[in-house]
PDB file of N, CA and C in Angstrom:
ATOM      1  N   MET A   1      22.716   6.653  24.178  1.00  0.00           N
ATOM      2  CA  MET A   1      21.434   7.302  24.240  1.00  0.00           C
ATOM      3  C   MET A   1      21.400   8.523  23.304  1.00  0.00           C
ATOM      4  N   LEU A   2      22.528   9.209  23.256  1.00  0.00           N
ATOM      5  CA  LEU A   2      22.597  10.382  22.379  1.00  0.00           C
ATOM      6  C   LEU A   2      22.426   9.980  20.915  1.00  0.00           C
ATOM      7  N   THR A   3      23.053   8.888  20.514  1.00  0.00           N
ATOM      8  CA  THR A   3      22.932   8.418  19.132  1.00  0.00           C
ATOM      9  C   THR A   3      21.486   8.054  18.812  1.00  0.00           C
ATOM     10  N   LEU A   4      20.818   7.363  19.728  1.00  0.00           N
ATOM     11  CA  LEU A   4      19.413   7.002  19.516  1.00  0.00           C
ATOM     12  C   LEU A   4      18.560   8.257  19.376  1.00  0.00           C
ATOM     13  N   THR A   5      18.829   9.264  20.188  1.00  0.00           N
ATOM     14  CA  THR A   5      18.078  10.520  20.114  1.00  0.00           C
ATOM     15  C   THR A   5      18.252  11.168  18.750  1.00  0.00           C
ATOM     16  N   LEU A   6      19.464  11.179  18.222  1.00  0.00           N
ATOM     17  CA  LEU A   6      19.710  11.764  16.899  1.00  0.00           C
ATOM     18  C   LEU A   6      18.995  10.986  15.799  1.00  0.00           C
ATOM     19  N   ILE A   7      19.014   9.657  15.895  1.00  0.00           N
ATOM     20  CA  ILE A   7      18.339   8.823  14.893  1.00  0.00           C
ATOM     21  C   ILE A   7      16.831   9.052  14.938  1.00  0.00           C
ATOM     22  N   LEU A   8      16.261   9.060  16.135  1.00  0.00           N
ATOM     23  CA  LEU A   8      14.812   9.281  16.258  1.00  0.00           C
ATOM     24  C   LEU A   8      14.432  10.673  15.768  1.00  0.00           C
ATOM     25  N   GLY A   9      15.276  11.660  16.059  1.00  0.00           N
ATOM     26  CA  GLY A   9      15.021  13.016  15.571  1.00  0.00           C
ATOM     27  C   GLY A   9      15.019  13.088  14.055  1.00  0.00           C
ATOM     28  N   ALA A  10      15.924  12.345  13.422  1.00  0.00           N
ATOM     29  CA  ALA A  10      15.964  12.312  11.960  1.00  0.00           C
ATOM     30  C   ALA A  10      14.696  11.679  11.392  1.00  0.00           C
ATOM     31  N   HIS A  11      14.218  10.620  12.025  1.00  0.00           N
ATOM     32  CA  HIS A  11      12.962   9.998  11.567  1.00  0.00           C
ATOM     33  C   HIS A  11      11.800  10.955  11.741  1.00  0.00           C
ATOM     34  N   GLU A  12      11.752  11.658  12.861  1.00  0.00           N
ATOM     35  CA  GLU A  12      10.683  12.622  13.096  1.00  0.00           C
ATOM     36  C   GLU A  12      10.706  13.718  12.034  1.00  0.00           C
ATOM     37  N   HIS A  13      11.895  14.188  11.695  1.00  0.00           N
ATOM     38  CA  HIS A  13      12.017  15.241  10.688  1.00  0.00           C
ATOM     39  C   HIS A  13      11.508  14.759   9.326  1.00  0.00           C
ATOM     40  N   SER A  14      11.868  13.533   8.958  1.00  0.00           N
ATOM     41  CA  SER A  14      11.444  13.009   7.656  1.00  0.00           C
ATOM     42  C   SER A  14       9.951  12.705   7.621  1.00  0.00           C
ATOM     43  N   ALA A  15       9.334  12.506   8.780  1.00  0.00           N
ATOM     44  CA  ALA A  15       7.902  12.187   8.838  1.00  0.00           C
ATOM     45  C   ALA A  15       7.039  13.438   8.955  1.00  0.00           C
ATOM     46  N   ALA A  16       7.657  14.613   8.927  1.00  0.00           N
ATOM     47  CA  ALA A  16       6.914  15.854   9.136  1.00  0.00           C
ATOM     48  C   ALA A  16       6.063  16.257   7.934  1.00  0.00           C
ATOM     49  N   ALA A  17       6.361  15.761   6.758  1.00  0.00           N
ATOM     50  CA  ALA A  17       5.604  16.125   5.564  1.00  0.00           C
ATOM     51  C   ALA A  17       4.212  15.506   5.605  1.00  0.00           C
ATOM     52  N   VAL A  18       3.235  16.268   5.156  1.00  0.00           N
ATOM     53  CA  VAL A  18       1.844  15.790   5.140  1.00  0.00           C
ATOM     54  C   VAL A  18       1.731  14.514   4.318  1.00  0.00           C
ATOM     55  N   ASP A  19       2.479  14.450   3.222  1.00  0.00           N
ATOM     56  CA  ASP A  19       2.406  13.285   2.342  1.00  0.00           C
ATOM     57  C   ASP A  19       2.805  12.005   3.067  1.00  0.00           C
ATOM     58  N   SER A  20       3.744  12.110   4.006  1.00  0.00           N
ATOM     59  CA  SER A  20       4.183  10.901   4.710  1.00  0.00           C
ATOM     60  C   SER A  20       3.072  10.344   5.596  1.00  0.00           C
ATOM     61  N   TRP A  21       2.194  11.194   6.083  1.00  0.00           N
ATOM     62  CA  TRP A  21       1.083  10.716   6.920  1.00  0.00           C
ATOM     63  C   TRP A  21      -0.061  10.197   6.061  1.00  0.00           C
ATOM     64  N   GLN A  22      -0.236  10.781   4.873  1.00  0.00           N
ATOM     65  CA  GLN A  22      -1.303  10.330   3.982  1.00  0.00           C
ATOM     66  C   GLN A  22      -0.932   9.039   3.273  1.00  0.00           C
ATOM     67  N   HIS A  23       0.352   8.844   3.008  1.00  0.00           N
ATOM     68  CA  HIS A  23       0.847   7.654   2.319  1.00  0.00           C
ATOM     69  C   HIS A  23       2.059   7.124   3.083  1.00  0.00           C
ATOM     70  N   PRO A  24       1.843   6.513   4.251  1.00  0.00           N
ATOM     71  CA  PRO A  24       2.979   6.087   5.081  1.00  0.00           C
ATOM     72  C   PRO A  24       3.790   4.981   4.415  1.00  0.00           C
ATOM     73  N   THR A  25       5.088   5.115   4.518  1.00  0.00           N
ATOM     74  CA  THR A  25       5.991   4.099   3.985  1.00  0.00           C
ATOM     75  C   THR A  25       6.110   2.956   4.995  1.00  0.00           C
ATOM     76  N   PRO A  26       6.574   1.804   4.558  1.00  0.00           N
ATOM     77  CA  PRO A  26       6.802   0.711   5.510  1.00  0.00           C
ATOM     78  C   PRO A  26       7.760   1.127   6.640  1.00  0.00           C
ATOM     79  N   ALA A  27       8.763   1.944   6.319  1.00  0.00           N
ATOM     80  CA  ALA A  27       9.718   2.390   7.344  1.00  0.00           C
ATOM     81  C   ALA A  27       9.019   3.250   8.400  1.00  0.00           C
ATOM     82  N   LEU A  28       8.135   4.146   7.970  1.00  0.00           N
ATOM     83  CA  LEU A  28       7.403   4.977   8.930  1.00  0.00           C
ATOM     84  C   LEU A  28       6.486   4.115   9.795  1.00  0.00           C
ATOM     85  N   ARG A  29       5.834   3.132   9.185  1.00  0.00           N
ATOM     86  CA  ARG A  29       4.954   2.247   9.963  1.00  0.00           C
ATOM     87  C   ARG A  29       5.751   1.458  10.999  1.00  0.00           C
ATOM     88  N   ARG A  30       6.926   0.952  10.607  1.00  0.00           N
ATOM     89  CA  ARG A  30       7.773   0.226  11.567  1.00  0.00           C
ATOM     90  C   ARG A  30       8.243   1.145  12.687  1.00  0.00           C
ATOM     91  N   TYR A  31       8.613   2.360  12.346  1.00  0.00           N
ATOM     92  CA  TYR A  31       9.077   3.338  13.332  1.00  0.00           C
ATOM     93  C   TYR A  31       7.984   3.624  14.363  1.00  0.00           C
ATOM     94  N   LEU A  32       6.783   3.903  13.888  1.00  0.00           N
ATOM     95  CA  LEU A  32       5.677   4.216  14.805  1.00  0.00           C
ATOM     96  C   LEU A  32       5.303   3.000  15.651  1.00  0.00           C
ATOM     97  N   THR A  33       5.318   1.838  15.051  1.00  0.00           N
ATOM     98  CA  THR A  33       5.016   0.617  15.795  1.00  0.00           C
ATOM     99  C   THR A  33       6.055   0.382  16.889  1.00  0.00           C
ATOM    100  N   GLN A  34       7.322   0.643  16.586  1.00  0.00           N
ATOM    101  CA  GLN A  34       8.374   0.471  17.589  1.00  0.00           C
ATOM    102  C   GLN A  34       8.211   1.471  18.727  1.00  0.00           C
ATOM    103  N   LEU A  35       7.890   2.715  18.405  1.00  0.00           N
ATOM    104  CA  LEU A  35       7.656   3.708  19.460  1.00  0.00           C
ATOM    105  C   LEU A  35       6.532   3.255  20.395  1.00  0.00           C
ATOM    106  N   GLU A  36       5.473   2.719  19.796  1.00  0.00           N
ATOM    107  CA  GLU A  36       4.349   2.234  20.601  1.00  0.00           C
ATOM    108  C   GLU A  36       4.785   1.059  21.477  1.00  0.00           C
ATOM    109  N   THR A  37       5.616   0.168  20.944  1.00  0.00           N
ATOM    110  CA  THR A  37       6.141  -0.962  21.712  1.00  0.00           C
ATOM    111  C   THR A  37       6.941  -0.482  22.914  1.00  0.00           C
ATOM    112  N   TRP A  38       7.667   0.631  22.737  1.00  0.00           N
ATOM    113  CA  TRP A  38       8.478   1.199  23.822  1.00  0.00           C
ATOM    114  C   TRP A  38       7.635   1.966  24.835  1.00  0.00           C
ATOM    115  N   GLY A  39       6.323   2.066  24.604  1.00  0.00           N
ATOM    116  CA  GLY A  39       5.456   2.712  25.580  1.00  0.00           C
ATOM    117  C   GLY A  39       4.936   4.083  25.198  1.00  0.00           C
ATOM    118  N   TYR A  40       5.280   4.569  24.016  1.00  0.00           N
ATOM    119  CA  TYR A  40       4.782   5.863  23.562  1.00  0.00           C
ATOM    120  C   TYR A  40       3.339   5.704  23.110  1.00  0.00           C
ATOM    121  N   ALA A  41       2.458   6.566  23.599  1.00  0.00           N
ATOM    122  CA  ALA A  41       1.051   6.528  23.190  1.00  0.00           C
ATOM    123  C   ALA A  41       0.912   7.297  21.871  1.00  0.00           C
ATOM    124  N   LEU A  42       0.583   6.581  20.815  1.00  0.00           N
ATOM    125  CA  LEU A  42       0.454   7.210  19.506  1.00  0.00           C
ATOM    126  C   LEU A  42      -0.752   8.136  19.457  1.00  0.00           C
ATOM    127  N   ALA A  43      -0.587   9.263  18.785  1.00  0.00           N
ATOM    128  CA  ALA A  43      -1.709  10.163  18.506  1.00  0.00           C
ATOM    129  C   ALA A  43      -2.589   9.501  17.449  1.00  0.00           C
ATOM    130  N   ASP A  44      -3.792  10.017  17.265  1.00  0.00           N
ATOM    131  CA  ASP A  44      -4.719   9.418  16.300  1.00  0.00           C
ATOM    132  C   ASP A  44      -4.106   9.331  14.901  1.00  0.00           C
ATOM    133  N   VAL A  45      -3.474  10.412  14.442  1.00  0.00           N
ATOM    134  CA  VAL A  45      -2.888  10.417  13.100  1.00  0.00           C
ATOM    135  C   VAL A  45      -1.727   9.433  13.017  1.00  0.00           C
ATOM    136  N   GLU A  46      -0.971   9.294  14.087  1.00  0.00           N
ATOM    137  CA  GLU A  46       0.127   8.326  14.104  1.00  0.00           C
ATOM    138  C   GLU A  46      -0.404   6.898  14.073  1.00  0.00           C
ATOM    139  N   ARG A  47      -1.475   6.650  14.801  1.00  0.00           N
ATOM    140  CA  ARG A  47      -2.071   5.315  14.823  1.00  0.00           C
ATOM    141  C   ARG A  47      -2.599   4.941  13.434  1.00  0.00           C
ATOM    142  N   LEU A  48      -3.208   5.914  12.743  1.00  0.00           N
ATOM    143  CA  LEU A  48      -3.699   5.651  11.382  1.00  0.00           C
ATOM    144  C   LEU A  48      -2.548   5.390  10.418  1.00  0.00           C
ATOM    145  N   ALA A  49      -1.449   6.119  10.586  1.00  0.00           N
ATOM    146  CA  ALA A  49      -0.289   5.906   9.711  1.00  0.00           C
ATOM    147  C   ALA A  49       0.364   4.557   9.992  1.00  0.00           C
ATOM    148  N   ALA A  50       0.403   4.156  11.259  1.00  0.00           N
ATOM    149  CA  ALA A  50       1.026   2.879  11.627  1.00  0.00           C
ATOM    150  C   ALA A  50       0.186   1.697  11.175  1.00  0.00           C
ATOM    151  N   ASN A  51      -1.122   1.854  11.183  1.00  0.00           N
ATOM    152  CA  ASN A  51      -2.054   0.781  10.823  1.00  0.00           C
ATOM    153  C   ASN A  51      -3.111   1.334   9.878  1.00  0.00           C
ATOM    154  N   PRO A  52      -2.727   1.606   8.619  1.00  0.00           N
ATOM    155  CA  PRO A  52      -3.702   2.191   7.700  1.00  0.00           C
ATOM    156  C   PRO A  52      -4.896   1.274   7.488  1.00  0.00           C
ATOM    157  N   PRO A  53      -6.088   1.854   7.330  1.00  0.00           N
ATOM    158  CA  PRO A  53      -7.271   1.017   7.104  1.00  0.00           C
ATOM    159  C   PRO A  53      -7.134   0.222   5.812  1.00  0.00           C
ATOM    160  N   VAL A  54      -7.727  -0.934   5.804  1.00  0.00           N
ATOM    161  CA  VAL A  54      -7.703  -1.787   4.613  1.00  0.00           C
ATOM    162  C   VAL A  54      -8.539  -1.122   3.532  1.00  0.00           C
ATOM    163  N   GLN A  55      -7.967  -1.022   2.350  1.00  0.00           N
ATOM    164  CA  GLN A  55      -8.672  -0.404   1.229  1.00  0.00           C
ATOM    165  C   GLN A  55      -9.609  -1.426   0.601  1.00  0.00           C
ATOM    166  N   PRO A  56     -10.821  -0.986   0.259  1.00  0.00           N
ATOM    167  CA  PRO A  56     -11.727  -1.930  -0.417  1.00  0.00           C
ATOM    168  C   PRO A  56     -11.126  -2.359  -1.746  1.00  0.00           C
ATOM    169  N   ASP A  57     -11.478  -3.561  -2.170  1.00  0.00           N
ATOM    170  CA  ASP A  57     -10.972  -4.062  -3.447  1.00  0.00           C
ATOM    171  C   ASP A  57     -11.412  -3.155  -4.577  1.00  0.00           C
ATOM    172  N   GLN A  58     -10.539  -3.039  -5.527  1.00  0.00           N
ATOM    173  CA  GLN A  58     -10.854  -2.243  -6.702  1.00  0.00           C
ATOM    174  C   GLN A  58     -11.889  -2.995  -7.533  1.00  0.00           C
ATOM    175  N   PRO A  59     -12.808  -2.281  -8.137  1.00  0.00           N
ATOM    176  CA  PRO A  59     -13.787  -2.969  -9.003  1.00  0.00           C
ATOM    177  C   PRO A  59     -13.074  -3.629 -10.175  1.00  0.00           C
ATOM    178  N   ASP A  60     -13.677  -4.691 -10.691  1.00  0.00           N
ATOM    179  CA  ASP A  60     -13.097  -5.391 -11.832  1.00  0.00           C
ATOM    180  C   ASP A  60     -12.943  -4.420 -12.992  1.00  0.00           C
ATOM    181  N   GLN A  61     -11.801  -4.511 -13.626  1.00  0.00           N
ATOM    182  CA  GLN A  61     -11.550  -3.694 -14.805  1.00  0.00           C
ATOM    183  C   GLN A  61     -12.021  -4.461 -16.030  1.00  0.00           C
ATOM    184  N   PRO A  62     -12.556  -3.758 -17.017  1.00  0.00           N
ATOM    185  CA  PRO A  62     -12.967  -4.482 -18.235  1.00  0.00           C
ATOM    186  C   PRO A  62     -11.779  -5.219 -18.829  1.00  0.00           C
ATOM    187  N   GLY A  63     -11.994  -6.446 -19.223  1.00  0.00           N
ATOM    188  CA  GLY A  63     -10.951  -7.251 -19.822  1.00  0.00           C
ATOM    189  C   GLY A  63     -10.022  -7.934 -18.831  1.00  0.00           C
ATOM    190  N   SER A  64     -10.345  -7.843 -17.523  1.00  0.00           N
ATOM    191  CA  SER A  64      -9.460  -8.449 -16.539  1.00  0.00           C
ATOM    192  C   SER A  64      -9.783  -9.922 -16.298  1.00  0.00           C
ATOM    193  N   ARG A  65     -10.819 -10.392 -16.897  1.00  0.00           N
ATOM    194  CA  ARG A  65     -11.182 -11.808 -16.738  1.00  0.00           C
ATOM    195  C   ARG A  65     -10.740 -12.633 -17.876  1.00  0.00           C
TER     196      ARG A  65
END
């Protein structure tokens, strides 16, 4: 249990940067999803990082056809 606590603490520390919430990595998304699976209620910002909204398609670039 102590080892798991240290690992989770390290993930929390690395996720503290604003950039990690604005541009979540696959590892952060998996981490948050696992916490939710274990019964942790994600905060709104955590839920957005775990399941970022689908970005609209980029408009066609000239010459892309």
